[in-house]
Amino acid sequence: MQKLAEYLRGWMNYFGISSVRPIPEMDHWLRRRIRMCYWKQWRRCRTKVCNLLKLGTPLDAAISVGMSRKVRGDSARTFATQIGMTNQWLKKQGLISVKELWVNIHYPATAR
């Protein structure tokens, strides 16, 4: 996460001055990919279910998604993974928001 945060800060410092605004979509895509990486790390069905339960996902949702044979990308989009791996949890893990970086560049706190 530290390496990714470093890369994103550099990328936003270089491309952040543009007025093109695909930033929210990029932020959603990045969070989904990170969820997918966690899903891949957990590997076994039992581990997936246990970790989703620890993160606060309801039991029936955790079991149905954890035992599912969906592809990782589809599993990362499910309701259960988004309940467990919330944006706040990802932020605690070290993921920085591209949208926040873009807002800080275009609307600095001193101009408010």
PDB file of N, CA and C in Angstrom:
ATOM      1  N   MET A   1       0.823  -1.198   0.000  1.00  0.00           N
ATOM      2  CA  MET A   1       0.000   0.000   0.000  1.00  0.00           C
ATOM      3  C   MET A   1       0.864   1.257   0.000  1.00  0.00           C
ATOM      4  N   GLN A   2       1.994   1.182   0.692  1.00  0.00           N
ATOM      5  CA  GLN A   2       2.869   2.345   0.747  1.00  0.00           C
ATOM      6  C   GLN A   2       3.420   2.667  -0.643  1.00  0.00           C
ATOM      7  N   LYS A   3       3.809   1.647  -1.366  1.00  0.00           N
ATOM      8  CA  LYS A   3       4.345   1.836  -2.714  1.00  0.00           C
ATOM      9  C   LYS A   3       3.262   2.392  -3.641  1.00  0.00           C
ATOM     10  N   LEU A   4       2.037   1.886  -3.508  1.00  0.00           N
ATOM     11  CA  LEU A   4       0.912   2.378  -4.312  1.00  0.00           C
ATOM     12  C   LEU A   4       0.606   3.835  -3.983  1.00  0.00           C
ATOM     13  N   ALA A   5       0.615   4.182  -2.700  1.00  0.00           N
ATOM     14  CA  ALA A   5       0.349   5.562  -2.289  1.00  0.00           C
ATOM     15  C   ALA A   5       1.409   6.509  -2.853  1.00  0.00           C
ATOM     16  N   GLU A   6       2.643   6.069  -2.830  1.00  0.00           N
ATOM     17  CA  GLU A   6       3.744   6.864  -3.386  1.00  0.00           C
ATOM     18  C   GLU A   6       3.538   7.098  -4.884  1.00  0.00           C
ATOM     19  N   TYR A   7       3.165   6.047  -5.576  1.00  0.00           N
ATOM     20  CA  TYR A   7       2.930   6.127  -7.019  1.00  0.00           C
ATOM     21  C   TYR A   7       1.752   7.052  -7.331  1.00  0.00           C
ATOM     22  N   LEU A   8       0.661   6.919  -6.561  1.00  0.00           N
ATOM     23  CA  LEU A   8      -0.526   7.750  -6.814  1.00  0.00           C
ATOM     24  C   LEU A   8      -0.256   9.230  -6.563  1.00  0.00           C
ATOM     25  N   ARG A   9       0.501   9.524  -5.509  1.00  0.00           N
ATOM     26  CA  ARG A   9       0.834  10.930  -5.240  1.00  0.00           C
ATOM     27  C   ARG A   9       1.650  11.524  -6.387  1.00  0.00           C
ATOM     28  N   GLY A  10       2.619  10.784  -6.867  1.00  0.00           N
ATOM     29  CA  GLY A  10       3.420  11.261  -7.990  1.00  0.00           C
ATOM     30  C   GLY A  10       2.596  11.421  -9.256  1.00  0.00           C
ATOM     31  N   TRP A  11       1.711  10.480  -9.494  1.00  0.00           N
ATOM     32  CA  TRP A  11       0.855  10.532 -10.680  1.00  0.00           C
ATOM     33  C   TRP A  11      -0.064  11.741 -10.625  1.00  0.00           C
ATOM     34  N   MET A  12      -0.648  11.993  -9.447  1.00  0.00           N
ATOM     35  CA  MET A  12      -1.554  13.138  -9.312  1.00  0.00           C
ATOM     36  C   MET A  12      -0.804  14.460  -9.382  1.00  0.00           C
ATOM     37  N   ASN A  13       0.420  14.501  -8.890  1.00  0.00           N
ATOM     38  CA  ASN A  13       1.193  15.737  -8.993  1.00  0.00           C
ATOM     39  C   ASN A  13       1.536  16.042 -10.445  1.00  0.00           C
ATOM     40  N   TYR A  14       1.663  15.020 -11.255  1.00  0.00           N
ATOM     41  CA  TYR A  14       1.994  15.229 -12.665  1.00  0.00           C
ATOM     42  C   TYR A  14       0.735  15.496 -13.490  1.00  0.00           C
ATOM     43  N   PHE A  15      -0.290  14.661 -13.347  1.00  0.00           N
ATOM     44  CA  PHE A  15      -1.483  14.775 -14.175  1.00  0.00           C
ATOM     45  C   PHE A  15      -2.620  15.543 -13.506  1.00  0.00           C
ATOM     46  N   GLY A  16      -2.462  15.921 -12.258  1.00  0.00           N
ATOM     47  CA  GLY A  16      -3.550  16.545 -11.503  1.00  0.00           C
ATOM     48  C   GLY A  16      -3.971  17.905 -11.991  1.00  0.00           C
ATOM     49  N   ILE A  17      -3.125  18.566 -12.759  1.00  0.00           N
ATOM     50  CA  ILE A  17      -3.481  19.911 -13.206  1.00  0.00           C
ATOM     51  C   ILE A  17      -4.454  19.901 -14.381  1.00  0.00           C
ATOM     52  N   SER A  18      -4.692  18.738 -14.945  1.00  0.00           N
ATOM     53  CA  SER A  18      -5.606  18.682 -16.088  1.00  0.00           C
ATOM     54  C   SER A  18      -7.039  18.880 -15.619  1.00  0.00           C
ATOM     55  N   SER A  19      -7.885  19.324 -16.526  1.00  0.00           N
ATOM     56  CA  SER A  19      -9.284  19.566 -16.184  1.00  0.00           C
ATOM     57  C   SER A  19     -10.171  18.373 -16.512  1.00  0.00           C
ATOM     58  N   VAL A  20      -9.589  17.299 -17.034  1.00  0.00           N
ATOM     59  CA  VAL A  20     -10.355  16.094 -17.335  1.00  0.00           C
ATOM     60  C   VAL A  20     -10.760  15.458 -16.007  1.00  0.00           C
ATOM     61  N   ARG A  21     -12.002  14.951 -15.937  1.00  0.00           N
ATOM     62  CA  ARG A  21     -12.488  14.477 -14.646  1.00  0.00           C
ATOM     63  C   ARG A  21     -12.933  13.019 -14.645  1.00  0.00           C
ATOM     64  N   PRO A  22     -12.090  12.090 -15.028  1.00  0.00           N
ATOM     65  CA  PRO A  22     -12.467  10.685 -14.838  1.00  0.00           C
ATOM     66  C   PRO A  22     -12.017  10.184 -13.471  1.00  0.00           C
ATOM     67  N   ILE A  23     -11.745  11.105 -12.555  1.00  0.00           N
ATOM     68  CA  ILE A  23     -11.148  10.771 -11.270  1.00  0.00           C
ATOM     69  C   ILE A  23     -12.056   9.901 -10.392  1.00  0.00           C
ATOM     70  N   PRO A  24     -13.355  10.206 -10.234  1.00  0.00           N
ATOM     71  CA  PRO A  24     -14.176   9.311  -9.392  1.00  0.00           C
ATOM     72  C   PRO A  24     -14.230   7.881  -9.921  1.00  0.00           C
ATOM     73  N   GLU A  25     -14.305   7.710 -11.241  1.00  0.00           N
ATOM     74  CA  GLU A  25     -14.326   6.363 -11.805  1.00  0.00           C
ATOM     75  C   GLU A  25     -13.009   5.639 -11.526  1.00  0.00           C
ATOM     76  N   MET A  26     -11.918   6.378 -11.588  1.00  0.00           N
ATOM     77  CA  MET A  26     -10.616   5.787 -11.318  1.00  0.00           C
ATOM     78  C   MET A  26     -10.510   5.382  -9.846  1.00  0.00           C
ATOM     79  N   ASP A  27     -11.086   6.192  -8.982  1.00  0.00           N
ATOM     80  CA  ASP A  27     -11.088   5.887  -7.561  1.00  0.00           C
ATOM     81  C   ASP A  27     -11.876   4.610  -7.277  1.00  0.00           C
ATOM     82  N   HIS A  28     -13.045   4.455  -7.909  1.00  0.00           N
ATOM     83  CA  HIS A  28     -13.858   3.245  -7.746  1.00  0.00           C
ATOM     84  C   HIS A  28     -13.101   2.024  -8.274  1.00  0.00           C
ATOM     85  N   TRP A  29     -12.488   2.187  -9.410  1.00  0.00           N
ATOM     86  CA  TRP A  29     -11.759   1.075 -10.031  1.00  0.00           C
ATOM     87  C   TRP A  29     -10.608   0.622  -9.129  1.00  0.00           C
ATOM     88  N   LEU A  30      -9.890   1.596  -8.582  1.00  0.00           N
ATOM     89  CA  LEU A  30      -8.736   1.281  -7.739  1.00  0.00           C
ATOM     90  C   LEU A  30      -9.154   0.539  -6.473  1.00  0.00           C
ATOM     91  N   ARG A  31     -10.234   0.994  -5.833  1.00  0.00           N
ATOM     92  CA  ARG A  31     -10.714   0.308  -4.633  1.00  0.00           C
ATOM     93  C   ARG A  31     -11.174  -1.110  -4.949  1.00  0.00           C
ATOM     94  N   ARG A  32     -11.836  -1.277  -6.095  1.00  0.00           N
ATOM     95  CA  ARG A  32     -12.276  -2.614  -6.488  1.00  0.00           C
ATOM     96  C   ARG A  32     -11.080  -3.538  -6.722  1.00  0.00           C
ATOM     97  N   ARG A  33     -10.033  -3.015  -7.342  1.00  0.00           N
ATOM     98  CA  ARG A  33      -8.837  -3.822  -7.585  1.00  0.00           C
ATOM     99  C   ARG A  33      -8.137  -4.200  -6.276  1.00  0.00           C
ATOM    100  N   ILE A  34      -8.115  -3.307  -5.316  1.00  0.00           N
ATOM    101  CA  ILE A  34      -7.517  -3.610  -4.019  1.00  0.00           C
ATOM    102  C   ILE A  34      -8.334  -4.681  -3.307  1.00  0.00           C
ATOM    103  N   ARG A  35      -9.665  -4.563  -3.368  1.00  0.00           N
ATOM    104  CA  ARG A  35     -10.516  -5.609  -2.787  1.00  0.00           C
ATOM    105  C   ARG A  35     -10.246  -6.951  -3.453  1.00  0.00           C
ATOM    106  N   MET A  36     -10.037  -6.914  -4.750  1.00  0.00           N
ATOM    107  CA  MET A  36      -9.744  -8.134  -5.494  1.00  0.00           C
ATOM    108  C   MET A  36      -8.408  -8.736  -5.038  1.00  0.00           C
ATOM    109  N   CYS A  37      -7.431  -7.906  -4.764  1.00  0.00           N
ATOM    110  CA  CYS A  37      -6.132  -8.404  -4.292  1.00  0.00           C
ATOM    111  C   CYS A  37      -6.259  -9.057  -2.925  1.00  0.00           C
ATOM    112  N   TYR A  38      -7.045  -8.449  -2.031  1.00  0.00           N
ATOM    113  CA  TYR A  38      -7.285  -9.080  -0.739  1.00  0.00           C
ATOM    114  C   TYR A  38      -7.999 -10.413  -0.921  1.00  0.00           C
ATOM    115  N   TRP A  39      -8.972 -10.451  -1.821  1.00  0.00           N
ATOM    116  CA  TRP A  39      -9.721 -11.681  -2.082  1.00  0.00           C
ATOM    117  C   TRP A  39      -8.782 -12.783  -2.572  1.00  0.00           C
ATOM    118  N   LYS A  40      -7.823 -12.393  -3.405  1.00  0.00           N
ATOM    119  CA  LYS A  40      -6.862 -13.366  -3.912  1.00  0.00           C
ATOM    120  C   LYS A  40      -5.919 -13.839  -2.801  1.00  0.00           C
ATOM    121  N   GLN A  41      -5.537 -12.945  -1.918  1.00  0.00           N
ATOM    122  CA  GLN A  41      -4.642 -13.302  -0.815  1.00  0.00           C
ATOM    123  C   GLN A  41      -5.284 -14.306   0.129  1.00  0.00           C
ATOM    124  N   TRP A  42      -6.586 -14.198   0.322  1.00  0.00           N
ATOM    125  CA  TRP A  42      -7.272 -15.044   1.296  1.00  0.00           C
ATOM    126  C   TRP A  42      -7.415 -16.484   0.819  1.00  0.00           C
ATOM    127  N   ARG A  43      -7.368 -16.719  -0.467  1.00  0.00           N
ATOM    128  CA  ARG A  43      -7.324 -18.018  -1.127  1.00  0.00           C
ATOM    129  C   ARG A  43      -8.430 -19.006  -0.771  1.00  0.00           C
ATOM    130  N   ARG A  44      -8.451 -19.567   0.418  1.00  0.00           N
ATOM    131  CA  ARG A  44      -9.387 -20.632   0.770  1.00  0.00           C
ATOM    132  C   ARG A  44     -10.756 -20.067   1.137  1.00  0.00           C
ATOM    133  N   CYS A  45     -11.777 -20.853   0.904  1.00  0.00           N
ATOM    134  CA  CYS A  45     -13.153 -20.436   1.206  1.00  0.00           C
ATOM    135  C   CYS A  45     -13.326 -20.130   2.689  1.00  0.00           C
ATOM    136  N   ARG A  46     -12.758 -20.972   3.528  1.00  0.00           N
ATOM    137  CA  ARG A  46     -12.881 -20.787   4.975  1.00  0.00           C
ATOM    138  C   ARG A  46     -12.250 -19.460   5.404  1.00  0.00           C
ATOM    139  N   THR A  47     -11.108 -19.154   4.848  1.00  0.00           N
ATOM    140  CA  THR A  47     -10.420 -17.911   5.186  1.00  0.00           C
ATOM    141  C   THR A  47     -11.232 -16.705   4.733  1.00  0.00           C
ATOM    142  N   LYS A  48     -11.803 -16.796   3.543  1.00  0.00           N
ATOM    143  CA  LYS A  48     -12.623 -15.691   3.029  1.00  0.00           C
ATOM    144  C   LYS A  48     -13.809 -15.426   3.938  1.00  0.00           C
ATOM    145  N   VAL A  49     -14.506 -16.500   4.318  1.00  0.00           N
ATOM    146  CA  VAL A  49     -15.682 -16.352   5.179  1.00  0.00           C
ATOM    147  C   VAL A  49     -15.283 -15.789   6.541  1.00  0.00           C
ATOM    148  N   CYS A  50     -14.240 -16.315   7.149  1.00  0.00           N
ATOM    149  CA  CYS A  50     -13.791 -15.844   8.466  1.00  0.00           C
ATOM    150  C   CYS A  50     -13.383 -14.376   8.434  1.00  0.00           C
ATOM    151  N   ASN A  51     -12.637 -13.983   7.414  1.00  0.00           N
ATOM    152  CA  ASN A  51     -12.198 -12.594   7.323  1.00  0.00           C
ATOM    153  C   ASN A  51     -13.357 -11.647   7.060  1.00  0.00           C
ATOM    154  N   LEU A  52     -14.320 -12.062   6.246  1.00  0.00           N
ATOM    155  CA  LEU A  52     -15.489 -11.217   6.018  1.00  0.00           C
ATOM    156  C   LEU A  52     -16.309 -11.073   7.296  1.00  0.00           C
ATOM    157  N   LEU A  53     -16.409 -12.138   8.066  1.00  0.00           N
ATOM    158  CA  LEU A  53     -17.129 -12.057   9.338  1.00  0.00           C
ATOM    159  C   LEU A  53     -16.418 -11.123  10.314  1.00  0.00           C
ATOM    160  N   LYS A  54     -15.082 -11.175  10.355  1.00  0.00           N
ATOM    161  CA  LYS A  54     -14.318 -10.272  11.219  1.00  0.00           C
ATOM    162  C   LYS A  54     -14.532  -8.818  10.829  1.00  0.00           C
ATOM    163  N   LEU A  55     -14.744  -8.582   9.536  1.00  0.00           N
ATOM    164  CA  LEU A  55     -14.924  -7.214   9.047  1.00  0.00           C
ATOM    165  C   LEU A  55     -16.359  -6.721   9.176  1.00  0.00           C
ATOM    166  N   GLY A  56     -17.266  -7.572   9.655  1.00  0.00           N
ATOM    167  CA  GLY A  56     -18.627  -7.119   9.921  1.00  0.00           C
ATOM    168  C   GLY A  56     -19.663  -7.492   8.881  1.00  0.00           C
ATOM    169  N   THR A  57     -19.351  -8.382   7.992  1.00  0.00           N
ATOM    170  CA  THR A  57     -20.317  -8.831   6.994  1.00  0.00           C
ATOM    171  C   THR A  57     -21.281  -9.816   7.651  1.00  0.00           C
ATOM    172  N   PRO A  58     -22.586  -9.753   7.364  1.00  0.00           N
ATOM    173  CA  PRO A  58     -23.526 -10.733   7.922  1.00  0.00           C
ATOM    174  C   PRO A  58     -23.156 -12.160   7.507  1.00  0.00           C
ATOM    175  N   LEU A  59     -23.496 -13.112   8.351  1.00  0.00           N
ATOM    176  CA  LEU A  59     -23.087 -14.499   8.172  1.00  0.00           C
ATOM    177  C   LEU A  59     -23.554 -15.081   6.843  1.00  0.00           C
ATOM    178  N   ASP A  60     -24.839 -14.914   6.510  1.00  0.00           N
ATOM    179  CA  ASP A  60     -25.341 -15.524   5.268  1.00  0.00           C
ATOM    180  C   ASP A  60     -24.684 -14.929   4.029  1.00  0.00           C
ATOM    181  N   ALA A  61     -24.436 -13.618   4.051  1.00  0.00           N
ATOM    182  CA  ALA A  61     -23.778 -12.973   2.908  1.00  0.00           C
ATOM    183  C   ALA A  61     -22.319 -13.424   2.797  1.00  0.00           C
ATOM    184  N   ALA A  62     -21.652 -13.541   3.953  1.00  0.00           N
ATOM    185  CA  ALA A  62     -20.246 -13.964   3.944  1.00  0.00           C
ATOM    186  C   ALA A  62     -20.105 -15.389   3.425  1.00  0.00           C
ATOM    187  N   ILE A  63     -21.001 -16.264   3.830  1.00  0.00           N
ATOM    188  CA  ILE A  63     -20.933 -17.653   3.382  1.00  0.00           C
ATOM    189  C   ILE A  63     -21.236 -17.759   1.898  1.00  0.00           C
ATOM    190  N   SER A  64     -22.269 -17.046   1.436  1.00  0.00           N
ATOM    191  CA  SER A  64     -22.633 -17.163   0.015  1.00  0.00           C
ATOM    192  C   SER A  64     -21.539 -16.632  -0.900  1.00  0.00           C
ATOM    193  N   VAL A  65     -20.875 -15.562  -0.504  1.00  0.00           N
ATOM    194  CA  VAL A  65     -19.808 -15.011  -1.345  1.00  0.00           C
ATOM    195  C   VAL A  65     -18.515 -15.798  -1.164  1.00  0.00           C
ATOM    196  N   GLY A  66     -18.217 -16.191   0.061  1.00  0.00           N
ATOM    197  CA  GLY A  66     -16.985 -16.925   0.325  1.00  0.00           C
ATOM    198  C   GLY A  66     -16.956 -18.293  -0.331  1.00  0.00           C
ATOM    199  N   MET A  67     -18.100 -18.935  -0.428  1.00  0.00           N
ATOM    200  CA  MET A  67     -18.174 -20.263  -1.035  1.00  0.00           C
ATOM    201  C   MET A  67     -18.422 -20.194  -2.546  1.00  0.00           C
ATOM    202  N   SER A  68     -18.631 -19.013  -3.053  1.00  0.00           N
ATOM    203  CA  SER A  68     -18.923 -18.831  -4.472  1.00  0.00           C
ATOM    204  C   SER A  68     -17.692 -19.111  -5.325  1.00  0.00           C
ATOM    205  N   ARG A  69     -17.910 -19.550  -6.529  1.00  0.00           N
ATOM    206  CA  ARG A  69     -16.813 -19.800  -7.463  1.00  0.00           C
ATOM    207  C   ARG A  69     -16.725 -18.715  -8.532  1.00  0.00           C
ATOM    208  N   LYS A  70     -17.212 -17.534  -8.174  1.00  0.00           N
ATOM    209  CA  LYS A  70     -17.115 -16.408  -9.106  1.00  0.00           C
ATOM    210  C   LYS A  70     -15.654 -16.019  -9.297  1.00  0.00           C
ATOM    211  N   VAL A  71     -15.396 -15.333 -10.367  1.00  0.00           N
ATOM    212  CA  VAL A  71     -14.051 -14.815 -10.612  1.00  0.00           C
ATOM    213  C   VAL A  71     -13.781 -13.726  -9.576  1.00  0.00           C
ATOM    214  N   ARG A  72     -12.515 -13.463  -9.280  1.00  0.00           N
ATOM    215  CA  ARG A  72     -12.178 -12.481  -8.247  1.00  0.00           C
ATOM    216  C   ARG A  72     -12.768 -11.109  -8.516  1.00  0.00           C
ATOM    217  N   GLY A  73     -12.777 -10.700  -9.758  1.00  0.00           N
ATOM    218  CA  GLY A  73     -13.318  -9.380 -10.083  1.00  0.00           C
ATOM    219  C   GLY A  73     -14.800  -9.276  -9.784  1.00  0.00           C
ATOM    220  N   ASP A  74     -15.533 -10.343 -10.048  1.00  0.00           N
ATOM    221  CA  ASP A  74     -16.964 -10.345  -9.745  1.00  0.00           C
ATOM    222  C   ASP A  74     -17.208 -10.412  -8.244  1.00  0.00           C
ATOM    223  N   SER A  75     -16.381 -11.144  -7.539  1.00  0.00           N
ATOM    224  CA  SER A  75     -16.527 -11.246  -6.083  1.00  0.00           C
ATOM    225  C   SER A  75     -16.213  -9.915  -5.411  1.00  0.00           C
ATOM    226  N   ALA A  76     -15.304  -9.157  -5.971  1.00  0.00           N
ATOM    227  CA  ALA A  76     -14.939  -7.861  -5.384  1.00  0.00           C
ATOM    228  C   ALA A  76     -16.057  -6.844  -5.539  1.00  0.00           C
ATOM    229  N   ARG A  77     -16.983  -7.084  -6.445  1.00  0.00           N
ATOM    230  CA  ARG A  77     -18.098  -6.161  -6.662  1.00  0.00           C
ATOM    231  C   ARG A  77     -19.329  -6.514  -5.842  1.00  0.00           C
ATOM    232  N   THR A  78     -19.300  -7.596  -5.101  1.00  0.00           N
ATOM    233  CA  THR A  78     -20.486  -8.046  -4.392  1.00  0.00           C
ATOM    234  C   THR A  78     -20.772  -7.179  -3.173  1.00  0.00           C
ATOM    235  N   PHE A  79     -22.012  -7.263  -2.729  1.00  0.00           N
ATOM    236  CA  PHE A  79     -22.485  -6.500  -1.575  1.00  0.00           C
ATOM    237  C   PHE A  79     -21.708  -6.888  -0.313  1.00  0.00           C
ATOM    238  N   ALA A  80     -21.441  -8.180  -0.153  1.00  0.00           N
ATOM    239  CA  ALA A  80     -20.773  -8.670   1.054  1.00  0.00           C
ATOM    240  C   ALA A  80     -19.343  -8.141   1.175  1.00  0.00           C
ATOM    241  N   THR A  81     -18.608  -8.125   0.090  1.00  0.00           N
ATOM    242  CA  THR A  81     -17.232  -7.631   0.174  1.00  0.00           C
ATOM    243  C   THR A  81     -17.203  -6.122   0.388  1.00  0.00           C
ATOM    244  N   GLN A  82     -18.177  -5.425  -0.158  1.00  0.00           N
ATOM    245  CA  GLN A  82     -18.202  -3.977   0.030  1.00  0.00           C
ATOM    246  C   GLN A  82     -18.675  -3.588   1.425  1.00  0.00           C
ATOM    247  N   ILE A  83     -19.467  -4.455   2.057  1.00  0.00           N
ATOM    248  CA  ILE A  83     -19.849  -4.211   3.453  1.00  0.00           C
ATOM    249  C   ILE A  83     -18.639  -4.438   4.347  1.00  0.00           C
ATOM    250  N   GLY A  84     -17.909  -5.515   4.099  1.00  0.00           N
ATOM    251  CA  GLY A  84     -16.754  -5.836   4.927  1.00  0.00           C
ATOM    252  C   GLY A  84     -15.569  -4.924   4.677  1.00  0.00           C
ATOM    253  N   MET A  85     -15.166  -4.849   3.422  1.00  0.00           N
ATOM    254  CA  MET A  85     -14.007  -4.024   3.074  1.00  0.00           C
ATOM    255  C   MET A  85     -14.490  -2.644   2.646  1.00  0.00           C
ATOM    256  N   THR A  86     -14.915  -1.850   3.614  1.00  0.00           N
ATOM    257  CA  THR A  86     -15.445  -0.527   3.324  1.00  0.00           C
ATOM    258  C   THR A  86     -14.325   0.423   2.903  1.00  0.00           C
ATOM    259  N   ASN A  87     -14.731   1.586   2.438  1.00  0.00           N
ATOM    260  CA  ASN A  87     -13.743   2.585   2.040  1.00  0.00           C
ATOM    261  C   ASN A  87     -12.927   3.048   3.248  1.00  0.00           C
ATOM    262  N   GLN A  88     -13.575   3.137   4.417  1.00  0.00           N
ATOM    263  CA  GLN A  88     -12.855   3.542   5.626  1.00  0.00           C
ATOM    264  C   GLN A  88     -11.827   2.477   6.016  1.00  0.00           C
ATOM    265  N   TRP A  89     -12.187   1.202   5.876  1.00  0.00           N
ATOM    266  CA  TRP A  89     -11.256   0.123   6.196  1.00  0.00           C
ATOM    267  C   TRP A  89     -10.057   0.160   5.251  1.00  0.00           C
ATOM    268  N   LEU A  90     -10.334   0.389   3.966  1.00  0.00           N
ATOM    269  CA  LEU A  90      -9.238   0.472   3.002  1.00  0.00           C
ATOM    270  C   LEU A  90      -8.328   1.661   3.312  1.00  0.00           C
ATOM    271  N   LYS A  91      -8.933   2.757   3.779  1.00  0.00           N
ATOM    272  CA  LYS A  91      -8.137   3.928   4.144  1.00  0.00           C
ATOM    273  C   LYS A  91      -7.243   3.612   5.344  1.00  0.00           C
ATOM    274  N   LYS A  92      -7.765   2.852   6.310  1.00  0.00           N
ATOM    275  CA  LYS A  92      -6.952   2.432   7.460  1.00  0.00           C
ATOM    276  C   LYS A  92      -5.817   1.513   7.029  1.00  0.00           C
ATOM    277  N   GLN A  93      -6.031   0.747   5.972  1.00  0.00           N
ATOM    278  CA  GLN A  93      -4.999  -0.147   5.463  1.00  0.00           C
ATOM    279  C   GLN A  93      -3.900   0.622   4.739  1.00  0.00           C
ATOM    280  N   GLY A  94      -4.160   1.891   4.388  1.00  0.00           N
ATOM    281  CA  GLY A  94      -3.128   2.706   3.767  1.00  0.00           C
ATOM    282  C   GLY A  94      -3.445   3.184   2.364  1.00  0.00           C
ATOM    283  N   LEU A  95      -4.647   2.883   1.852  1.00  0.00           N
ATOM    284  CA  LEU A  95      -5.014   3.323   0.503  1.00  0.00           C
ATOM    285  C   LEU A  95      -5.410   4.793   0.537  1.00  0.00           C
ATOM    286  N   ILE A  96      -4.809   5.583  -0.324  1.00  0.00           N
ATOM    287  CA  ILE A  96      -5.182   6.994  -0.388  1.00  0.00           C
ATOM    288  C   ILE A  96      -6.180   7.183  -1.520  1.00  0.00           C
ATOM    289  N   SER A  97      -7.018   8.189  -1.375  1.00  0.00           N
ATOM    290  CA  SER A  97      -8.064   8.444  -2.356  1.00  0.00           C
ATOM    291  C   SER A  97      -7.536   9.367  -3.459  1.00  0.00           C
ATOM    292  N   VAL A  98      -7.692   8.941  -4.683  1.00  0.00           N
ATOM    293  CA  VAL A  98      -7.270   9.753  -5.824  1.00  0.00           C
ATOM    294  C   VAL A  98      -8.162  10.992  -5.913  1.00  0.00           C
ATOM    295  N   LYS A  99      -9.413  10.820  -5.587  1.00  0.00           N
ATOM    296  CA  LYS A  99     -10.355  11.943  -5.639  1.00  0.00           C
ATOM    297  C   LYS A  99      -9.960  13.023  -4.631  1.00  0.00           C
ATOM    298  N   GLU A 100      -9.579  12.618  -3.416  1.00  0.00           N
ATOM    299  CA  GLU A 100      -9.140  13.590  -2.414  1.00  0.00           C
ATOM    300  C   GLU A 100      -7.884  14.329  -2.864  1.00  0.00           C
ATOM    301  N   LEU A 101      -6.950  13.605  -3.475  1.00  0.00           N
ATOM    302  CA  LEU A 101      -5.740  14.247  -3.989  1.00  0.00           C
ATOM    303  C   LEU A 101      -6.086  15.272  -5.056  1.00  0.00           C
ATOM    304  N   TRP A 102      -7.017  14.917  -5.942  1.00  0.00           N
ATOM    305  CA  TRP A 102      -7.413  15.815  -7.021  1.00  0.00           C
ATOM    306  C   TRP A 102      -8.095  17.062  -6.462  1.00  0.00           C
ATOM    307  N   VAL A 103      -8.953  16.881  -5.470  1.00  0.00           N
ATOM    308  CA  VAL A 103      -9.645  18.025  -4.848  1.00  0.00           C
ATOM    309  C   VAL A 103      -8.636  18.927  -4.156  1.00  0.00           C
ATOM    310  N   ASN A 104      -7.657  18.352  -3.482  1.00  0.00           N
ATOM    311  CA  ASN A 104      -6.644  19.162  -2.796  1.00  0.00           C
ATOM    312  C   ASN A 104      -5.799  19.972  -3.773  1.00  0.00           C
ATOM    313  N   ILE A 105      -5.594  19.448  -4.970  1.00  0.00           N
ATOM    314  CA  ILE A 105      -4.820  20.185  -5.975  1.00  0.00           C
ATOM    315  C   ILE A 105      -5.659  21.320  -6.564  1.00  0.00           C
ATOM    316  N   HIS A 106      -6.915  21.056  -6.909  1.00  0.00           N
ATOM    317  CA  HIS A 106      -7.744  22.042  -7.585  1.00  0.00           C
ATOM    318  C   HIS A 106      -8.423  23.027  -6.638  1.00  0.00           C
ATOM    319  N   TYR A 107      -8.691  22.612  -5.414  1.00  0.00           N
ATOM    320  CA  TYR A 107      -9.353  23.490  -4.435  1.00  0.00           C
ATOM    321  C   TYR A 107      -8.559  23.461  -3.133  1.00  0.00           C
ATOM    322  N   PRO A 108      -7.416  24.131  -3.101  1.00  0.00           N
ATOM    323  CA  PRO A 108      -6.594  24.098  -1.891  1.00  0.00           C
ATOM    324  C   PRO A 108      -7.308  24.764  -0.704  1.00  0.00           C
ATOM    325  N   ALA A 109      -6.951  24.364   0.490  1.00  0.00           N
ATOM    326  CA  ALA A 109      -7.607  24.853   1.695  1.00  0.00           C
ATOM    327  C   ALA A 109      -7.393  26.357   1.900  1.00  0.00           C
ATOM    328  N   THR A 110      -6.307  26.907   1.364  1.00  0.00           N
ATOM    329  CA  THR A 110      -6.030  28.339   1.546  1.00  0.00           C
ATOM    330  C   THR A 110      -6.971  29.200   0.711  1.00  0.00           C
ATOM    331  N   ALA A 111      -7.548  28.632  -0.343  1.00  0.00           N
ATOM    332  CA  ALA A 111      -8.426  29.419  -1.211  1.00  0.00           C
ATOM    333  C   ALA A 111      -9.867  29.434  -0.700  1.00  0.00           C
ATOM    334  N   ARG A 112     -10.171  28.622   0.294  1.00  0.00           N
ATOM    335  CA  ARG A 112     -11.556  28.556   0.788  1.00  0.00           C
ATOM    336  C   ARG A 112     -11.905  29.665   1.697  1.00  0.00           C
TER     337      ARG A 112
END
